[in-house]
C-alpha atoms as a PDB file:
ATOM      1  CA  MET A   1      82.828 121.771  87.694  1.00  0.00           C
ATOM      2  CA  ASN A   2      85.476 123.277  89.666  1.00  0.00           C
ATOM      3  CA  ASN A   3      87.793 121.272  92.031  1.00  0.00           C
ATOM      4  CA  ASP A   4      87.523 122.540  95.615  1.00  0.00           C
ATOM      5  CA  ASP A   5      91.001 122.993  96.894  1.00  0.00           C
ATOM      6  CA  ARG A   6      89.831 122.354 100.731  1.00  0.00           C
ATOM      7  CA  VAL A   7      91.378 119.576 102.633  1.00  0.00           C
ATOM      8  CA  LEU A   8      89.833 117.571 105.114  1.00  0.00           C
ATOM      9  CA  SER A   9      91.368 116.888 108.719  1.00  0.00           C
ATOM     10  CA  ILE A  10      90.008 115.833 112.108  1.00  0.00           C
ATOM     11  CA  PRO A  11      90.219 116.551 115.702  1.00  0.00           C
ATOM     12  CA  LEU A  12      91.666 114.412 118.183  1.00  0.00           C
ATOM     13  CA  LYS A  13      89.855 112.225 120.631  1.00  0.00           C
ATOM     14  CA  LYS A  14      89.841 113.445 124.444  1.00  0.00           C
ATOM     15  CA  THR A  15      90.457 111.174 127.268  1.00  0.00           C
ATOM     16  CA  ASP A  16      90.269 111.400 131.163  1.00  0.00           C
ATOM     17  CA  PRO A  17      93.378 111.217 133.224  1.00  0.00           C
ATOM     18  CA  VAL A  18      94.164 107.782 134.785  1.00  0.00           C
ATOM     19  CA  GLU A  19      96.587 106.573 137.151  1.00  0.00           C
ATOM     20  CA  LEU A  20      98.866 103.821 135.676  1.00  0.00           C
ATOM     21  CA  TYR A  21     101.761 103.897 138.067  1.00  0.00           C
ATOM     22  CA  GLN A  22     100.484 102.485 141.272  1.00  0.00           C
ATOM     23  CA  PRO A  23      98.351  99.482 139.972  1.00  0.00           C
ATOM     24  CA  LEU A  24     100.907  98.445 137.489  1.00  0.00           C
ATOM     25  CA  ARG A  25     103.849  98.701 140.157  1.00  0.00           C
ATOM     26  CA  LYS A  26     101.620  96.286 142.532  1.00  0.00           C
ATOM     27  CA  LEU A  27     101.083  93.688 139.633  1.00  0.00           C
ATOM     28  CA  VAL A  28     104.685  93.599 139.030  1.00  0.00           C
ATOM     29  CA  ALA A  29     105.547  93.074 142.738  1.00  0.00           C
ATOM     30  CA  SER A  30     103.103  90.247 143.373  1.00  0.00           C
ATOM     31  CA  LYS A  31     103.906  88.672 139.649  1.00  0.00           C
ATOM     32  CA  TYR A  32     107.425  89.139 139.748  1.00  0.00           C
ATOM     33  CA  SER A  33     109.071  90.383 143.067  1.00  0.00           C
ATOM     34  CA  GLU A  34     109.558  93.636 144.911  1.00  0.00           C
ATOM     35  CA  GLY A  35     112.936  93.889 143.302  1.00  0.00           C
ATOM     36  CA  ASP A  36     111.515  93.985 139.767  1.00  0.00           C
ATOM     37  CA  ALA A  37     108.923  96.540 140.910  1.00  0.00           C
ATOM     38  CA  GLN A  38     111.997  98.505 141.972  1.00  0.00           C
ATOM     39  CA  LYS A  39     113.739  98.097 138.930  1.00  0.00           C
ATOM     40  CA  VAL A  40     110.595  99.252 136.647  1.00  0.00           C
ATOM     41  CA  GLU A  41     109.743 102.051 138.770  1.00  0.00           C
ATOM     42  CA  SER A  42     111.382 104.667 136.673  1.00  0.00           C
ATOM     43  CA  VAL A  43     109.865 103.094 133.550  1.00  0.00           C
ATOM     44  CA  LEU A  44     106.162 103.154 134.856  1.00  0.00           C
ATOM     45  CA  GLU A  45     106.761 106.776 136.169  1.00  0.00           C
ATOM     46  CA  THR A  46     107.620 107.509 132.507  1.00  0.00           C
ATOM     47  CA  LEU A  47     104.399 105.830 131.161  1.00  0.00           C
ATOM     48  CA  ASN A  48     102.326 107.732 133.424  1.00  0.00           C
ATOM     49  CA  LYS A  49     104.361 110.976 132.713  1.00  0.00           C
ATOM     50  CA  CYS A  50     103.874 110.347 128.740  1.00  0.00           C
ATOM     51  CA  ARG A  51      99.875 109.634 129.331  1.00  0.00           C
ATOM     52  CA  ARG A  52      99.634 112.881 131.235  1.00  0.00           C
ATOM     53  CA  ASP A  53     101.693 114.651 128.528  1.00  0.00           C
ATOM     54  CA  MET A  54      99.362 113.310 125.962  1.00  0.00           C
ATOM     55  CA  VAL A  55      96.055 114.082 127.825  1.00  0.00           C
ATOM     56  CA  GLU A  56      96.969 117.404 129.179  1.00  0.00           C
ATOM     57  CA  PRO A  57      99.532 119.212 126.185  1.00  0.00           C
ATOM     58  CA  ARG A  58     100.720 122.363 126.943  1.00  0.00           C
ATOM     59  CA  ALA A  59      99.142 125.251 125.131  1.00  0.00           C
ATOM     60  CA  ASP A  60     102.274 126.185 123.611  1.00  0.00           C
ATOM     61  CA  LEU A  61     102.897 122.904 121.808  1.00  0.00           C
ATOM     62  CA  SER A  62     103.382 122.906 118.300  1.00  0.00           C
ATOM     63  CA  LEU A  63     101.499 120.040 116.308  1.00  0.00           C
ATOM     64  CA  PRO A  64     104.906 118.246 116.005  1.00  0.00           C
ATOM     65  CA  MET A  65     105.665 118.367 119.867  1.00  0.00           C
ATOM     66  CA  GLN A  66     102.085 116.785 120.230  1.00  0.00           C
ATOM     67  CA  LEU A  67     102.953 114.360 117.692  1.00  0.00           C
ATOM     68  CA  ASP A  68     106.090 113.431 119.616  1.00  0.00           C
ATOM     69  CA  CYS A  69     104.229 112.862 122.788  1.00  0.00           C
ATOM     70  CA  LEU A  70     101.431 110.581 121.439  1.00  0.00           C
ATOM     71  CA  LEU A  71     104.508 108.501 119.832  1.00  0.00           C
ATOM     72  CA  HIS A  72     106.323 108.380 123.344  1.00  0.00           C
ATOM     73  CA  TYR A  73     103.112 107.019 124.867  1.00  0.00           C
ATOM     74  CA  PHE A  74     102.005 104.551 122.278  1.00  0.00           C
ATOM     75  CA  LYS A  75     105.734 103.102 122.082  1.00  0.00           C
ATOM     76  CA  CYS A  76     105.899 102.884 126.117  1.00  0.00           C
ATOM     77  CA  LEU A  77     102.441 101.434 126.184  1.00  0.00           C
ATOM     78  CA  SER A  78     103.505  98.802 123.980  1.00  0.00           C
ATOM     79  CA  MET A  79     106.504  97.911 125.632  1.00  0.00           C
ATOM     80  CA  VAL A  80     104.292  97.213 128.911  1.00  0.00           C
ATOM     81  CA  ALA A  81     100.925  96.124 127.324  1.00  0.00           C
ATOM     82  CA  ARG A  82     101.196  92.541 128.494  1.00  0.00           C
ATOM     83  CA  LEU A  83     101.029  93.821 132.223  1.00  0.00           C
ATOM     84  CA  PHE A  84      97.433  94.728 131.507  1.00  0.00           C
ATOM     85  CA  THR A  85      96.370  91.728 130.533  1.00  0.00           C
ATOM     86  CA  SER A  86      97.954  90.039 133.540  1.00  0.00           C
ATOM     87  CA  LEU A  87      95.550  92.356 135.782  1.00  0.00           C
ATOM     88  CA  SER A  88      93.195  90.131 137.911  1.00  0.00           C
ATOM     89  CA  SER A  89      89.480  91.291 138.861  1.00  0.00           C
ATOM     90  CA  ASP A  90      90.455  92.124 142.397  1.00  0.00           C
ATOM     91  CA  ALA A  91      93.381  94.516 141.312  1.00  0.00           C
ATOM     92  CA  ASP A  92      93.268  98.186 141.429  1.00  0.00           C
ATOM     93  CA  PRO A  93      91.073  99.056 138.393  1.00  0.00           C
ATOM     94  CA  ILE A  94      92.664 100.936 135.608  1.00  0.00           C
ATOM     95  CA  LEU A  95      89.375 102.776 133.547  1.00  0.00           C
ATOM     96  CA  PHE A  96      90.161 104.243 130.307  1.00  0.00           C
ATOM     97  CA  VAL A  97      87.780 107.005 129.219  1.00  0.00           C
ATOM     98  CA  TRP A  98      87.659 108.097 125.663  1.00  0.00           C
ATOM     99  CA  TYR A  99      85.367 110.445 124.099  1.00  0.00           C
ATOM    100  CA  ASP A 100      84.226 110.590 120.310  1.00  0.00           C
ATOM    101  CA  ALA A 101      86.405 112.875 118.255  1.00  0.00           C
ATOM    102  CA  PHE A 102      83.242 114.139 116.285  1.00  0.00           C
ATOM    103  CA  ASN A 103      80.966 114.539 118.881  1.00  0.00           C
ATOM    104  CA  PRO A 104      82.444 114.345 122.485  1.00  0.00           C
ATOM    105  CA  ASP A 105      79.432 115.895 124.243  1.00  0.00           C
ATOM    106  CA  HIS A 106      76.879 113.544 122.791  1.00  0.00           C
ATOM    107  CA  GLN A 107      75.338 110.806 125.318  1.00  0.00           C
ATOM    108  CA  ASP A 108      76.851 108.002 123.007  1.00  0.00           C
ATOM    109  CA  GLY A 109      80.186 109.567 122.956  1.00  0.00           C
ATOM    110  CA  VAL A 110      81.995 107.802 125.719  1.00  0.00           C
ATOM    111  CA  SER A 111      83.766 104.760 125.444  1.00  0.00           C
ATOM    112  CA  SER A 112      84.708 103.499 129.161  1.00  0.00           C
ATOM    113  CA  GLN A 113      86.426 100.192 129.448  1.00  0.00           C
ATOM    114  CA  ARG A 114      88.361  98.509 132.440  1.00  0.00           C
ATOM    115  CA  SER A 115      91.513  97.552 131.983  1.00  0.00           C
ATOM    116  CA  ALA A 116      90.970  97.571 128.264  1.00  0.00           C
ATOM    117  CA  ILE A 117      94.460  98.022 126.937  1.00  0.00           C
ATOM    118  CA  GLN A 118      92.970  97.650 123.303  1.00  0.00           C
ATOM    119  CA  LEU A 119      90.720 100.532 123.267  1.00  0.00           C
ATOM    120  CA  GLU A 120      93.744 102.545 124.570  1.00  0.00           C
ATOM    121  CA  LYS A 121      96.022 101.569 121.821  1.00  0.00           C
ATOM    122  CA  ALA A 122      93.184 102.069 119.328  1.00  0.00           C
ATOM    123  CA  ALA A 123      92.505 105.562 120.469  1.00  0.00           C
ATOM    124  CA  VAL A 124      96.072 106.488 120.534  1.00  0.00           C
ATOM    125  CA  VAL A 125      96.485 105.460 116.875  1.00  0.00           C
ATOM    126  CA  PHE A 126      93.192 107.234 115.900  1.00  0.00           C
ATOM    127  CA  ASN A 127      95.073 110.290 117.218  1.00  0.00           C
ATOM    128  CA  LEU A 128      98.453 109.851 115.425  1.00  0.00           C
ATOM    129  CA  GLY A 129      96.101 109.789 112.457  1.00  0.00           C
ATOM    130  CA  ALA A 130      94.270 112.637 113.428  1.00  0.00           C
ATOM    131  CA  ILE A 131      97.185 114.853 114.279  1.00  0.00           C
ATOM    132  CA  TYR A 132      99.047 113.899 111.099  1.00  0.00           C
ATOM    133  CA  SER A 133      95.731 115.045 109.311  1.00  0.00           C
ATOM    134  CA  GLN A 134      96.191 118.233 111.189  1.00  0.00           C
ATOM    135  CA  ILE A 135      99.595 118.665 109.856  1.00  0.00           C
ATOM    136  CA  ALA A 136      98.831 117.971 106.448  1.00  0.00           C
ATOM    137  CA  ALA A 137      95.977 120.607 106.430  1.00  0.00           C
ATOM    138  CA  SER A 138      98.648 123.138 108.073  1.00  0.00           C
ATOM    139  CA  CYS A 139     100.729 123.094 105.162  1.00  0.00           C
ATOM    140  CA  ASP A 140     101.064 125.874 102.636  1.00  0.00           C
ATOM    141  CA  ARG A 141      99.948 123.948  99.591  1.00  0.00           C
ATOM    142  CA  THR A 142     100.392 127.012  97.181  1.00  0.00           C
ATOM    143  CA  THR A 143     104.026 125.993  97.141  1.00  0.00           C
ATOM    144  CA  ALA A 144     105.717 122.814  95.901  1.00  0.00           C
ATOM    145  CA  LEU A 145     107.263 121.834  98.961  1.00  0.00           C
ATOM    146  CA  GLY A 146     104.246 122.825 101.134  1.00  0.00           C
ATOM    147  CA  ARG A 147     101.997 120.042  98.909  1.00  0.00           C
ATOM    148  CA  HIS A 148     104.956 117.354  99.163  1.00  0.00           C
ATOM    149  CA  LEU A 149     104.828 117.870 102.884  1.00  0.00           C
ATOM    150  CA  ALA A 150     101.253 117.836 102.841  1.00  0.00           C
ATOM    151  CA  MET A 151     100.946 114.622 100.709  1.00  0.00           C
ATOM    152  CA  GLU A 152     103.522 112.881 102.648  1.00  0.00           C
ATOM    153  CA  ALA A 153     101.645 113.562 106.037  1.00  0.00           C
ATOM    154  CA  PHE A 154      98.247 112.477 104.461  1.00  0.00           C
ATOM    155  CA  LYS A 155      99.602 109.119 103.509  1.00  0.00           C
ATOM    156  CA  VAL A 156     101.210 108.632 107.077  1.00  0.00           C
ATOM    157  CA  ALA A 157      97.655 109.523 108.428  1.00  0.00           C
ATOM    158  CA  ALA A 158      96.127 107.126 106.038  1.00  0.00           C
ATOM    159  CA  ASN A 159      98.181 104.237 107.037  1.00  0.00           C
ATOM    160  CA  PHE A 160      97.403 104.759 110.675  1.00  0.00           C
ATOM    161  CA  PHE A 161      93.959 104.676 109.979  1.00  0.00           C
ATOM    162  CA  ARG A 162      94.456 101.308 107.592  1.00  0.00           C
ATOM    163  CA  GLN A 163      96.126  99.826 110.845  1.00  0.00           C
ATOM    164  CA  LEU A 164      93.472 101.035 112.948  1.00  0.00           C
ATOM    165  CA  TRP A 165      90.708  99.625 110.526  1.00  0.00           C
ATOM    166  CA  GLN A 166      92.570  96.186 109.914  1.00  0.00           C
ATOM    167  CA  VAL A 167      94.172  95.741 113.380  1.00  0.00           C
ATOM    168  CA  PHE A 168      93.457  97.961 116.348  1.00  0.00           C
ATOM    169  CA  ALA A 169      89.696  98.500 116.074  1.00  0.00           C
ATOM    170  CA  LYS A 170      88.665  94.981 115.147  1.00  0.00           C
ATOM    171  CA  ASP A 171      88.018  93.842 118.799  1.00  0.00           C
ATOM    172  CA  VAL A 172      87.089  97.126 120.361  1.00  0.00           C
ATOM    173  CA  VAL A 173      83.642  98.156 121.433  1.00  0.00           C
ATOM    174  CA  ALA A 174      83.475 101.683 121.494  1.00  0.00           C
ATOM    175  CA  THR A 175      82.334 104.948 120.123  1.00  0.00           C
ATOM    176  CA  LEU A 176      81.292 105.356 116.215  1.00  0.00           C
ATOM    177  CA  ASP A 177      84.852 107.081 115.318  1.00  0.00           C
ATOM    178  CA  LEU A 178      86.456 103.693 116.146  1.00  0.00           C
ATOM    179  CA  THR A 179      84.120 101.457 114.402  1.00  0.00           C
ATOM    180  CA  LEU A 180      85.637  99.828 111.216  1.00  0.00           C
ATOM    181  CA  VAL A 181      83.565 101.675 108.892  1.00  0.00           C
ATOM    182  CA  PHE A 182      84.814 104.921 110.273  1.00  0.00           C
ATOM    183  CA  ALA A 183      88.512 103.642 110.095  1.00  0.00           C
ATOM    184  CA  GLU A 184      87.976 102.253 106.759  1.00  0.00           C
ATOM    185  CA  PHE A 185      86.428 105.765 105.858  1.00  0.00           C
ATOM    186  CA  LEU A 186      89.213 107.940 107.203  1.00  0.00           C
ATOM    187  CA  HIS A 187      91.981 105.495 105.729  1.00  0.00           C
ATOM    188  CA  LEU A 188      90.352 106.273 101.998  1.00  0.00           C
ATOM    189  CA  LEU A 189      89.679 109.676 102.786  1.00  0.00           C
ATOM    190  CA  PHE A 190      93.494 110.627 103.439  1.00  0.00           C
ATOM    191  CA  SER A 191      94.503 108.310 100.497  1.00  0.00           C
ATOM    192  CA  ALA A 192      92.484 110.475  98.334  1.00  0.00           C
ATOM    193  CA  GLN A 193      93.824 113.553  99.483  1.00  0.00           C
ATOM    194  CA  ALA A 194      97.445 112.218  99.226  1.00  0.00           C
ATOM    195  CA  SER A 195      96.745 111.142  95.816  1.00  0.00           C
ATOM    196  CA  GLU A 196      95.216 113.998  94.756  1.00  0.00           C
ATOM    197  CA  LEU A 197      98.230 115.968  96.069  1.00  0.00           C
ATOM    198  CA  GLU A 198     100.532 113.533  94.256  1.00  0.00           C
ATOM    199  CA  LEU A 199      98.643 114.302  90.973  1.00  0.00           C
ATOM    200  CA  ARG A 200      99.240 117.619  91.223  1.00  0.00           C
ATOM    201  CA  GLU A 201     102.894 116.820  91.289  1.00  0.00           C
ATOM    202  CA  GLU A 202     102.567 114.871  88.284  1.00  0.00           C
ATOM    203  CA  LEU A 203     100.862 117.420  86.025  1.00  0.00           C
ATOM    204  CA  ASN A 204     103.640 119.540  87.037  1.00  0.00           C
ATOM    205  CA  ASN A 205     106.295 116.830  86.109  1.00  0.00           C
ATOM    206  CA  ASN A 206     107.772 117.319  82.812  1.00  0.00           C
ATOM    207  CA  ASP A 207     110.635 114.908  83.102  1.00  0.00           C
ATOM    208  CA  ALA A 208     108.892 112.311  80.197  1.00  0.00           C
ATOM    209  CA  SER A 209     107.347 112.709  77.023  1.00  0.00           C
ATOM    210  CA  TYR A 210     104.039 114.104  76.520  1.00  0.00           C
ATOM    211  CA  ALA A 211     102.160 111.101  75.543  1.00  0.00           C
ATOM    212  CA  LEU A 212     103.953 109.254  78.909  1.00  0.00           C
ATOM    213  CA  GLN A 213     102.824 112.378  80.980  1.00  0.00           C
ATOM    214  CA  GLN A 214      99.421 112.205  79.640  1.00  0.00           C
ATOM    215  CA  HIS A 215      99.216 108.516  80.397  1.00  0.00           C
ATOM    216  CA  ARG A 216     100.637 108.743  83.903  1.00  0.00           C
ATOM    217  CA  CYS A 217      97.921 111.530  84.686  1.00  0.00           C
ATOM    218  CA  ALA A 218      94.976 109.634  83.326  1.00  0.00           C
ATOM    219  CA  LEU A 219      95.845 106.550  85.641  1.00  0.00           C
ATOM    220  CA  SER A 220      96.209 108.968  88.483  1.00  0.00           C
ATOM    221  CA  PHE A 221      92.841 110.694  87.716  1.00  0.00           C
ATOM    222  CA  ILE A 222      91.176 106.953  87.877  1.00  0.00           C
ATOM    223  CA  SER A 223      93.059 106.087  91.120  1.00  0.00           C
ATOM    224  CA  VAL A 224      92.076 109.628  92.946  1.00  0.00           C
ATOM    225  CA  SER A 225      88.313 109.185  91.337  1.00  0.00           C
ATOM    226  CA  GLU A 226      88.136 105.473  92.809  1.00  0.00           C
ATOM    227  CA  LEU A 227      89.392 106.265  96.323  1.00  0.00           C
ATOM    228  CA  TYR A 228      87.044 109.299  96.799  1.00  0.00           C
ATOM    229  CA  GLY A 229      84.135 107.011  95.353  1.00  0.00           C
ATOM    230  CA  ARG A 230      85.055 104.492  97.747  1.00  0.00           C
ATOM    231  CA  ALA A 231      85.009 106.908 100.687  1.00  0.00           C
ATOM    232  CA  TYR A 232      81.693 108.507  99.753  1.00  0.00           C
ATOM    233  CA  ALA A 233      80.084 105.231  99.080  1.00  0.00           C
ATOM    234  CA  LEU A 234      80.581 104.283 103.043  1.00  0.00           C
ATOM    235  CA  ILE A 235      79.220 107.351 104.666  1.00  0.00           C
ATOM    236  CA  PRO A 236      75.487 107.603 102.976  1.00  0.00           C
ATOM    237  CA  THR A 237      74.949 104.112 103.067  1.00  0.00           C
ATOM    238  CA  ASP A 238      75.232 103.940 106.975  1.00  0.00           C
ATOM    239  CA  SER A 239      72.656 105.951 108.350  1.00  0.00           C
ATOM    240  CA  ALA A 240      74.605 106.144 111.793  1.00  0.00           C
ATOM    241  CA  ALA A 241      77.497 107.170 110.064  1.00  0.00           C
ATOM    242  CA  ARG A 242      76.026 109.863 107.932  1.00  0.00           C
ATOM    243  CA  LYS A 243      74.148 111.219 111.085  1.00  0.00           C
ATOM    244  CA  HIS A 244      77.293 111.363 112.773  1.00  0.00           C
ATOM    245  CA  VAL A 245      79.275 113.004 110.195  1.00  0.00           C
ATOM    246  CA  ASP A 246      76.564 115.299 109.607  1.00  0.00           C
ATOM    247  CA  SER A 247      76.552 116.526 113.114  1.00  0.00           C
ATOM    248  CA  PHE A 248      80.089 117.366 112.878  1.00  0.00           C
ATOM    249  CA  ASP A 249      80.174 119.129 109.734  1.00  0.00           C
ATOM    250  CA  GLN A 250      77.321 118.901 107.121  1.00  0.00           C
ATOM    251  CA  THR A 251      79.610 120.044 104.333  1.00  0.00           C
ATOM    252  CA  TRP A 252      81.937 116.896 104.620  1.00  0.00           C
ATOM    253  CA  VAL A 253      79.503 114.533 102.390  1.00  0.00           C
ATOM    254  CA  THR A 254      78.607 117.138  99.928  1.00  0.00           C
ATOM    255  CA  HIS A 255      82.128 117.853  99.464  1.00  0.00           C
ATOM    256  CA  LEU A 256      83.003 114.243  98.843  1.00  0.00           C
ATOM    257  CA  TYR A 257      80.325 113.654  96.371  1.00  0.00           C
ATOM    258  CA  GLN A 258      81.710 116.812  94.428  1.00  0.00           C
ATOM    259  CA  LYS A 259      85.609 115.475  94.774  1.00  0.00           C
ATOM    260  CA  ALA A 260      84.540 111.892  93.619  1.00  0.00           C
ATOM    261  CA  THR A 261      82.041 113.420  90.801  1.00  0.00           C
ATOM    262  CA  PHE A 262      84.746 115.862  89.591  1.00  0.00           C
ATOM    263  CA  PHE A 263      87.505 113.137  89.178  1.00  0.00           C
ATOM    264  CA  GLU A 264      85.181 110.677  87.981  1.00  0.00           C
ATOM    265  CA  ALA A 265      84.448 112.991  84.855  1.00  0.00           C
ATOM    266  CA  GLU A 266      88.264 113.865  84.628  1.00  0.00           C
ATOM    267  CA  ALA A 267      89.075 110.474  84.337  1.00  0.00           C
ATOM    268  CA  ARG A 268      86.384 109.591  81.642  1.00  0.00           C
ATOM    269  CA  GLN A 269      88.040 112.276  79.613  1.00  0.00           C
ATOM    270  CA  ARG A 270      91.491 111.546  79.955  1.00  0.00           C
ATOM    271  CA  GLN A 271      90.537 107.369  79.307  1.00  0.00           C
ATOM    272  CA  SER A 272      91.798 107.838  75.855  1.00  0.00           C
ATOM    273  CA  SER A 273      95.417 108.867  76.817  1.00  0.00           C
ATOM    274  CA  ILE A 274      96.212 105.628  78.612  1.00  0.00           C
ATOM    275  CA  LEU A 275      98.737 104.090  76.340  1.00  0.00           C
ATOM    276  CA  PRO A 276      98.423 100.603  75.285  1.00  0.00           C
ATOM    277  CA  GLU A 277     100.348  97.658  76.837  1.00  0.00           C
ATOM    278  CA  SER A 278     102.911  97.612  74.066  1.00  0.00           C
ATOM    279  CA  GLU A 279     103.831 101.125  74.553  1.00  0.00           C
ATOM    280  CA  ARG A 280     104.282 101.674  78.229  1.00  0.00           C
ATOM    281  CA  PRO A 281     107.649 101.634  79.348  1.00  0.00           C
ATOM    282  CA  HIS A 282     108.636  98.818  81.490  1.00  0.00           C
ATOM    283  CA  GLU A 283     109.409 100.978  84.486  1.00  0.00           C
ATOM    284  CA  PHE A 284     107.904 104.319  85.532  1.00  0.00           C
ATOM    285  CA  SER A 285     110.008 106.899  87.382  1.00  0.00           C
ATOM    286  CA  SER A 286     108.197 107.936  90.652  1.00  0.00           C
ATOM    287  CA  VAL A 287     107.441 111.584  91.101  1.00  0.00           C
ATOM    288  CA  GLU A 288     110.508 113.540  92.113  1.00  0.00           C
ATOM    289  CA  SER A 289     110.622 115.347  95.636  1.00  0.00           C
ATOM    290  CA  CYS A 290     111.203 119.208  95.113  1.00  0.00           C
ATOM    291  CA  ALA A 291     114.489 120.457  95.256  1.00  0.00           C
ATOM    292  CA  LEU A 292     115.853 121.107  99.181  1.00  0.00           C
ATOM    293  CA  ASP A 293     118.160 123.220 100.721  1.00  0.00           C
ATOM    294  CA  HIS A 294     120.039 123.046 103.888  1.00  0.00           C
ATOM    295  CA  ASP A 295     118.617 125.856 105.647  1.00  0.00           C
ATOM    296  CA  ALA A 296     116.015 125.523 108.447  1.00  0.00           C
ATOM    297  CA  GLU A 297     113.030 125.963 106.431  1.00  0.00           C
ATOM    298  CA  CYS A 298     113.736 122.455 105.168  1.00  0.00           C
ATOM    299  CA  VAL A 299     113.556 120.692 108.506  1.00  0.00           C
ATOM    300  CA  PRO A 300     110.280 119.646 108.395  1.00  0.00           C
ATOM    301  CA  GLU A 301     110.546 118.024 104.913  1.00  0.00           C
ATOM    302  CA  ILE A 302     113.543 115.709 106.654  1.00  0.00           C
ATOM    303  CA  LEU A 303     111.665 114.896 109.693  1.00  0.00           C
ATOM    304  CA  VAL A 304     108.514 114.046 107.680  1.00  0.00           C
ATOM    305  CA  ARG A 305     110.450 111.845 105.395  1.00  0.00           C
ATOM    306  CA  GLY A 306     112.225 109.838 108.109  1.00  0.00           C
ATOM    307  CA  ILE A 307     109.165 109.530 110.109  1.00  0.00           C
ATOM    308  CA  CYS A 308     106.874 108.362 107.411  1.00  0.00           C
ATOM    309  CA  CYS A 309     109.685 105.687 106.642  1.00  0.00           C
ATOM    310  CA  ARG A 310     109.612 104.469 110.293  1.00  0.00           C
ATOM    311  CA  VAL A 311     105.998 104.725 111.519  1.00  0.00           C
ATOM    312  CA  ARG A 312     105.289 101.228 109.946  1.00  0.00           C
ATOM    313  CA  LYS A 313     107.782  99.798 111.780  1.00  0.00           C
ATOM    314  CA  VAL A 314     106.011 100.744 115.289  1.00  0.00           C
ATOM    315  CA  LEU A 315     102.878  99.573 114.434  1.00  0.00           C
ATOM    316  CA  TYR A 316     104.505  96.095 113.191  1.00  0.00           C
ATOM    317  CA  GLU A 317     106.725  95.544 116.355  1.00  0.00           C
ATOM    318  CA  ASP A 318     103.593  96.237 118.373  1.00  0.00           C
ATOM    319  CA  ARG A 319     101.923  93.357 116.664  1.00  0.00           C
ATOM    320  CA  LYS A 320     104.589  91.024 116.823  1.00  0.00           C
ATOM    321  CA  GLN A 321     105.752  91.215 120.715  1.00  0.00           C
ATOM    322  CA  THR A 322     105.387  88.366 122.746  1.00  0.00           C
ATOM    323  CA  TYR A 323     106.867  89.423 126.126  1.00  0.00           C
ATOM    324  CA  ILE A 324     108.509  91.859 128.337  1.00  0.00           C
ATOM    325  CA  ASP A 325     112.060  92.234 129.067  1.00  0.00           C
ATOM    326  CA  LEU A 326     111.692  94.281 132.177  1.00  0.00           C
ATOM    327  CA  ASN A 327     115.462  95.348 132.232  1.00  0.00           C
ATOM    328  CA  LEU A 328     115.321  96.002 128.557  1.00  0.00           C
ATOM    329  CA  VAL A 329     112.357  98.349 128.961  1.00  0.00           C
ATOM    330  CA  CYS A 330     114.181 100.131 131.927  1.00  0.00           C
ATOM    331  CA  THR A 331     117.326 100.822 129.838  1.00  0.00           C
ATOM    332  CA  PHE A 332     115.512 101.901 126.787  1.00  0.00           C
ATOM    333  CA  ILE A 333     113.074 104.204 128.655  1.00  0.00           C
ATOM    334  CA  ASN A 334     116.069 105.874 130.423  1.00  0.00           C
ATOM    335  CA  ILE A 335     118.141 106.265 127.384  1.00  0.00           C
ATOM    336  CA  ILE A 336     114.813 108.042 126.034  1.00  0.00           C
ATOM    337  CA  MET A 337     114.610 110.379 128.850  1.00  0.00           C
ATOM    338  CA  PHE A 338     118.281 111.355 128.594  1.00  0.00           C
ATOM    339  CA  TYR A 339     117.552 112.814 124.979  1.00  0.00           C
ATOM    340  CA  ILE A 340     114.343 114.915 125.870  1.00  0.00           C
ATOM    341  CA  VAL A 341     115.819 118.286 125.914  1.00  0.00           C
ATOM    342  CA  GLU A 342     114.295 121.650 124.773  1.00  0.00           C
ATOM    343  CA  PRO A 343     115.552 123.151 121.451  1.00  0.00           C
ATOM    344  CA  THR A 344     118.204 125.742 121.933  1.00  0.00           C
ATOM    345  CA  LEU A 345     118.576 127.237 118.549  1.00  0.00           C
ATOM    346  CA  PRO A 346     116.117 129.206 116.371  1.00  0.00           C
ATOM    347  CA  ASN A 347     116.691 126.426 113.442  1.00  0.00           C
ATOM    348  CA  GLN A 348     115.691 123.745 115.928  1.00  0.00           C
ATOM    349  CA  LYS A 349     112.257 124.751 116.495  1.00  0.00           C
ATOM    350  CA  TYR A 350     110.861 121.936 114.285  1.00  0.00           C
ATOM    351  CA  ILE A 351     113.108 119.554 115.850  1.00  0.00           C
ATOM    352  CA  PHE A 352     111.814 116.796 118.080  1.00  0.00           C
ATOM    353  CA  ILE A 353     113.026 113.297 119.100  1.00  0.00           C
ATOM    354  CA  SER A 354     110.820 111.009 117.009  1.00  0.00           C
ATOM    355  CA  SER A 355     113.820 110.246 114.679  1.00  0.00           C
ATOM    356  CA  LEU A 356     115.890 109.328 117.677  1.00  0.00           C
ATOM    357  CA  PHE A 357     113.189 107.511 119.235  1.00  0.00           C
ATOM    358  CA  PHE A 358     112.753 105.120 116.614  1.00  0.00           C
ATOM    359  CA  ASN A 359     116.605 104.785 116.056  1.00  0.00           C
ATOM    360  CA  PHE A 360     116.447 102.636 119.348  1.00  0.00           C
ATOM    361  CA  ASN A 361     114.482  99.999 117.656  1.00  0.00           C
END
């Protein structure tokens, strides 16, 4: 059986515009003071702008720039999230409307909740994972650099969907794409695709003895087989999920079955290559990154590496935040806005301010 080289990616969820500035400013004025409301005006304007940019991205925006819009909005939203829980029933409503990424035109494809910050954050986390999957799928996987970039991007996508599955989607009543089953499925899918690309690097890695390399590859085939198998097992057993996936792309389930079958067969064939415990080294070296030059073509590698290291921090800090420091929020947003500039040099076309954004944490 041949292994299909195709990788799967997912579309972003769509949403309707919503006005955040006026109701949140009124809330700050009533809960704190008019002076505090004036202090955070620029913050709320920035929040509004970030969401507007996220909802209505320009057609000329690259995937990294679209990602940057999402990251900015998620961070800003997390900083003022407590305000949404303070909205009273008689306050101006903030209605978040999100459409199912896989079937937005279906009658059950809309989630709409009043002042539901949980829905908003879950949907943004979904889109962060989705856009990383698109970045991964857009990489040229015929080259070592392209495979490495795709692997790293799929790892980040998997991590976002793990956070969605384990944290953000738990208390959200929404469309099927935001259910725990789908979040777990997408986490496993992108983990499997990242592991498969890592396995390809391992197959080309000659820094160890033949026996040790075969041992590592055997373990990797087992790991990839398990991930594809778990991803495949989640969908056929859930009739609603199967119908939903088929309505989006009928080849997905077949693709996953073929992947799971191929890697399971390869894993069985390589079982004998696994070394006894007594013959294994105490520590395995990790897969080496491909060599990098310092020209413009390597900028995406640097960015992906930096963002991959920092993405977890955004999610972790959001979960542990317990209060709002309005002055700190104001200062933070003003610093961000000061540094948002258009690239002026040709080799800056891939440079966006995600790294800068995280450095202020």
